[in-house]
N, C-alpha and C. Protein backbone atom coordinates (compact mmCIF):
# COMPACT_ATOMS: atom_id res chain seq x y z
N UNK A 1 94.40 29.49 99.29
CA UNK A 1 94.88 29.30 100.65
C UNK A 1 96.34 28.91 100.58
N UNK A 2 97.14 29.50 101.46
CA UNK A 2 98.57 29.15 101.51
C UNK A 2 99.03 29.07 102.97
N UNK A 3 100.30 28.73 103.16
CA UNK A 3 100.84 28.52 104.51
C UNK A 3 100.74 29.77 105.37
N UNK A 4 101.05 30.93 104.82
CA UNK A 4 101.03 32.15 105.63
C UNK A 4 99.62 32.51 106.08
N UNK A 5 98.62 32.30 105.23
CA UNK A 5 97.23 32.57 105.62
C UNK A 5 96.79 31.63 106.74
N UNK A 6 97.13 30.36 106.63
CA UNK A 6 96.77 29.41 107.68
C UNK A 6 97.54 29.68 108.97
N UNK A 7 98.78 30.05 108.86
CA UNK A 7 99.58 30.38 110.04
C UNK A 7 98.95 31.56 110.78
N UNK A 8 98.47 32.54 110.03
CA UNK A 8 97.81 33.71 110.63
C UNK A 8 96.55 33.30 111.38
N UNK A 9 95.76 32.42 110.80
CA UNK A 9 94.54 31.93 111.45
C UNK A 9 94.88 31.17 112.73
N UNK A 10 95.91 30.35 112.68
CA UNK A 10 96.30 29.53 113.83
C UNK A 10 96.91 30.35 114.96
N UNK A 11 97.52 31.50 114.65
CA UNK A 11 98.19 32.32 115.66
C UNK A 11 97.33 33.43 116.23
N UNK A 12 96.08 33.56 115.78
CA UNK A 12 95.21 34.62 116.31
C UNK A 12 94.98 34.42 117.79
N UNK A 13 94.90 35.55 118.51
CA UNK A 13 94.60 35.54 119.94
C UNK A 13 93.32 36.30 120.18
N UNK A 14 92.35 35.76 120.82
CA UNK A 14 92.27 34.36 121.23
C UNK A 14 92.00 33.47 120.03
N UNK A 15 92.43 32.23 120.14
CA UNK A 15 92.23 31.28 119.05
C UNK A 15 90.74 30.98 118.89
N UNK A 16 90.27 30.93 117.65
CA UNK A 16 88.88 30.57 117.37
C UNK A 16 88.90 29.30 116.53
N UNK A 17 88.19 28.28 117.01
CA UNK A 17 88.12 27.02 116.28
C UNK A 17 87.55 27.24 114.88
N UNK A 18 88.00 26.41 113.93
CA UNK A 18 87.52 26.56 112.56
C UNK A 18 87.43 25.19 111.88
N UNK A 19 86.72 25.18 110.77
CA UNK A 19 86.52 23.96 109.97
C UNK A 19 87.11 24.20 108.60
N UNK A 20 87.88 23.23 108.13
CA UNK A 20 88.41 23.27 106.77
C UNK A 20 87.50 22.44 105.88
N UNK A 21 86.99 23.01 104.83
CA UNK A 21 86.21 22.28 103.83
C UNK A 21 87.13 22.02 102.65
N UNK A 22 87.18 20.77 102.21
CA UNK A 22 88.06 20.40 101.12
C UNK A 22 87.27 20.24 99.82
N UNK A 23 87.97 20.27 98.71
CA UNK A 23 87.32 20.12 97.41
C UNK A 23 86.68 18.74 97.26
N UNK A 24 87.13 17.76 98.03
CA UNK A 24 86.56 16.41 97.98
C UNK A 24 85.23 16.32 98.73
N UNK A 25 84.91 17.37 99.51
CA UNK A 25 83.70 17.34 100.32
C UNK A 25 84.00 16.99 101.78
N UNK A 26 85.21 16.51 102.05
CA UNK A 26 85.61 16.20 103.42
C UNK A 26 85.76 17.50 104.21
N UNK A 27 85.71 17.37 105.53
CA UNK A 27 85.90 18.53 106.40
C UNK A 27 86.69 18.10 107.63
N UNK A 28 87.54 18.99 108.11
CA UNK A 28 88.32 18.76 109.33
C UNK A 28 88.11 19.94 110.25
N UNK A 29 87.80 19.65 111.52
CA UNK A 29 87.64 20.70 112.50
C UNK A 29 88.92 20.84 113.31
N UNK A 30 89.37 22.06 113.46
CA UNK A 30 90.58 22.37 114.22
C UNK A 30 90.15 23.11 115.48
N UNK A 31 90.23 22.41 116.63
CA UNK A 31 89.84 23.00 117.91
C UNK A 31 91.06 23.41 118.74
N UNK A 32 92.24 22.96 118.34
CA UNK A 32 93.46 23.27 119.06
C UNK A 32 94.53 23.67 118.03
N UNK A 33 95.08 24.88 118.15
CA UNK A 33 96.04 25.33 117.13
C UNK A 33 97.33 24.51 117.11
N UNK A 34 97.61 23.76 118.16
CA UNK A 34 98.83 22.96 118.21
C UNK A 34 98.71 21.65 117.45
N UNK A 35 97.51 21.34 116.97
CA UNK A 35 97.30 20.09 116.24
C UNK A 35 97.32 20.29 114.72
N UNK A 36 97.61 21.50 114.28
CA UNK A 36 97.71 21.79 112.84
C UNK A 36 99.02 22.51 112.59
N UNK A 37 99.79 22.00 111.62
CA UNK A 37 101.11 22.59 111.33
C UNK A 37 101.20 22.92 109.84
N UNK A 38 101.27 24.21 109.51
CA UNK A 38 101.45 24.59 108.10
C UNK A 38 102.85 24.22 107.63
N UNK A 39 102.92 23.49 106.53
CA UNK A 39 104.20 23.13 105.92
C UNK A 39 104.31 23.91 104.61
N UNK A 40 105.26 23.59 103.78
CA UNK A 40 105.48 24.35 102.55
C UNK A 40 104.28 24.28 101.60
N UNK A 41 103.80 23.08 101.30
CA UNK A 41 102.73 22.94 100.31
C UNK A 41 101.48 22.26 100.84
N UNK A 42 101.49 21.90 102.12
CA UNK A 42 100.32 21.24 102.70
C UNK A 42 100.26 21.46 104.19
N UNK A 43 99.10 21.11 104.76
CA UNK A 43 98.85 21.29 106.18
C UNK A 43 98.83 19.92 106.85
N UNK A 44 99.61 19.77 107.91
CA UNK A 44 99.61 18.56 108.72
C UNK A 44 98.55 18.74 109.80
N UNK A 45 97.63 17.76 109.91
CA UNK A 45 96.58 17.81 110.93
C UNK A 45 96.64 16.53 111.74
N UNK A 46 96.83 16.66 113.06
CA UNK A 46 96.80 15.52 113.97
C UNK A 46 95.36 15.36 114.46
N UNK A 47 94.85 14.14 114.43
CA UNK A 47 93.49 13.86 114.89
C UNK A 47 93.57 13.62 116.40
N UNK A 48 92.84 14.43 117.22
CA UNK A 48 92.95 14.29 118.66
C UNK A 48 92.49 12.92 119.17
N UNK A 49 93.07 12.49 120.27
CA UNK A 49 92.72 11.24 120.95
C UNK A 49 92.88 10.01 120.07
N UNK A 50 93.83 10.05 119.16
CA UNK A 50 94.09 8.89 118.30
C UNK A 50 95.54 8.96 117.82
N UNK A 51 95.95 7.96 117.09
CA UNK A 51 97.28 7.97 116.48
C UNK A 51 97.18 8.32 115.00
N UNK A 52 96.08 8.93 114.60
CA UNK A 52 95.86 9.25 113.19
C UNK A 52 96.28 10.69 112.89
N UNK A 53 96.62 10.92 111.64
CA UNK A 53 96.96 12.24 111.15
C UNK A 53 96.68 12.27 109.65
N UNK A 54 96.67 13.48 109.09
CA UNK A 54 96.47 13.61 107.64
C UNK A 54 97.27 14.80 107.13
N UNK A 55 97.58 14.76 105.86
CA UNK A 55 98.23 15.88 105.17
C UNK A 55 97.25 16.40 104.13
N UNK A 56 96.97 17.69 104.18
CA UNK A 56 96.01 18.31 103.27
C UNK A 56 96.74 19.31 102.39
N UNK A 57 96.81 19.08 101.08
CA UNK A 57 97.42 20.07 100.18
C UNK A 57 96.60 21.37 100.18
N UNK A 58 97.27 22.50 100.20
CA UNK A 58 96.57 23.79 100.22
C UNK A 58 95.65 23.95 99.02
N UNK A 59 96.00 23.37 97.90
CA UNK A 59 95.16 23.48 96.70
C UNK A 59 93.80 22.82 96.89
N UNK A 60 93.68 21.92 97.87
CA UNK A 60 92.41 21.22 98.08
C UNK A 60 91.55 21.86 99.17
N UNK A 61 92.01 22.95 99.77
CA UNK A 61 91.20 23.65 100.77
C UNK A 61 90.27 24.60 100.04
N UNK A 62 88.97 24.30 100.13
CA UNK A 62 87.97 25.10 99.42
C UNK A 62 87.45 26.25 100.29
N UNK A 63 87.39 26.04 101.61
CA UNK A 63 86.85 27.08 102.49
C UNK A 63 87.34 26.88 103.91
N UNK A 64 87.40 27.99 104.65
CA UNK A 64 87.69 27.97 106.08
C UNK A 64 86.49 28.61 106.76
N UNK A 65 85.84 27.86 107.66
CA UNK A 65 84.63 28.34 108.33
C UNK A 65 84.86 28.42 109.82
N UNK A 66 84.45 29.51 110.44
CA UNK A 66 84.54 29.63 111.89
C UNK A 66 83.53 28.69 112.53
N UNK A 67 83.92 28.09 113.64
CA UNK A 67 83.01 27.22 114.39
C UNK A 67 82.56 28.00 115.61
N UNK A 68 81.28 27.99 115.87
CA UNK A 68 80.74 28.71 117.03
C UNK A 68 81.19 28.09 118.33
N UNK A 69 80.78 28.70 119.43
CA UNK A 69 81.19 28.23 120.75
C UNK A 69 80.26 27.16 121.30
N UNK A 70 79.33 26.67 120.51
CA UNK A 70 78.44 25.61 120.96
C UNK A 70 77.12 26.10 121.50
N UNK A 71 76.96 27.39 121.64
CA UNK A 71 75.70 27.95 122.12
C UNK A 71 74.81 28.29 120.93
N UNK A 72 73.50 28.09 121.08
CA UNK A 72 72.62 28.48 119.97
C UNK A 72 72.63 30.00 119.81
N UNK A 73 72.45 30.47 118.58
CA UNK A 73 72.45 31.93 118.37
C UNK A 73 71.28 32.58 119.08
N UNK A 74 71.51 33.79 119.57
CA UNK A 74 70.44 34.53 120.24
C UNK A 74 69.45 35.05 119.21
N UNK A 75 68.18 35.05 119.61
CA UNK A 75 67.15 35.61 118.75
C UNK A 75 67.29 37.13 118.77
N UNK A 76 67.03 37.77 117.64
CA UNK A 76 67.13 39.24 117.62
C UNK A 76 66.09 39.86 118.55
N UNK A 77 66.46 40.96 119.20
CA UNK A 77 65.52 41.64 120.09
C UNK A 77 64.52 42.42 119.27
N UNK A 78 63.31 42.39 119.74
CA UNK A 78 62.25 43.17 119.07
C UNK A 78 62.11 44.51 119.77
N UNK A 79 61.91 45.50 118.98
CA UNK A 79 61.72 46.82 119.56
C UNK A 79 60.26 46.98 119.95
N UNK A 80 60.07 47.56 121.09
CA UNK A 80 58.69 47.80 121.55
C UNK A 80 58.17 49.07 120.88
N UNK A 81 56.94 48.97 120.49
CA UNK A 81 56.30 50.17 119.94
C UNK A 81 55.71 50.96 121.08
N UNK A 82 55.86 52.21 121.01
CA UNK A 82 55.33 52.94 122.15
C UNK A 82 55.07 54.34 121.92
């Protein structure tokens, strides 16, 4: 993972929320693209509704996972035999 890959994810239209999984096992959810800023070697993440923030080195990002819209997945439709 590098700055340009994260910048691409943050600039997609429409924006889709995602979760960063770190090598430490920690995870950060990004619901607003304006709260994450790719820097040269790490990602600045502002924690909403607080005065907290964190810097995450790109080397410690193990995975980027899309977060759903909060609705449960639909059950697959069954085909009627006939």
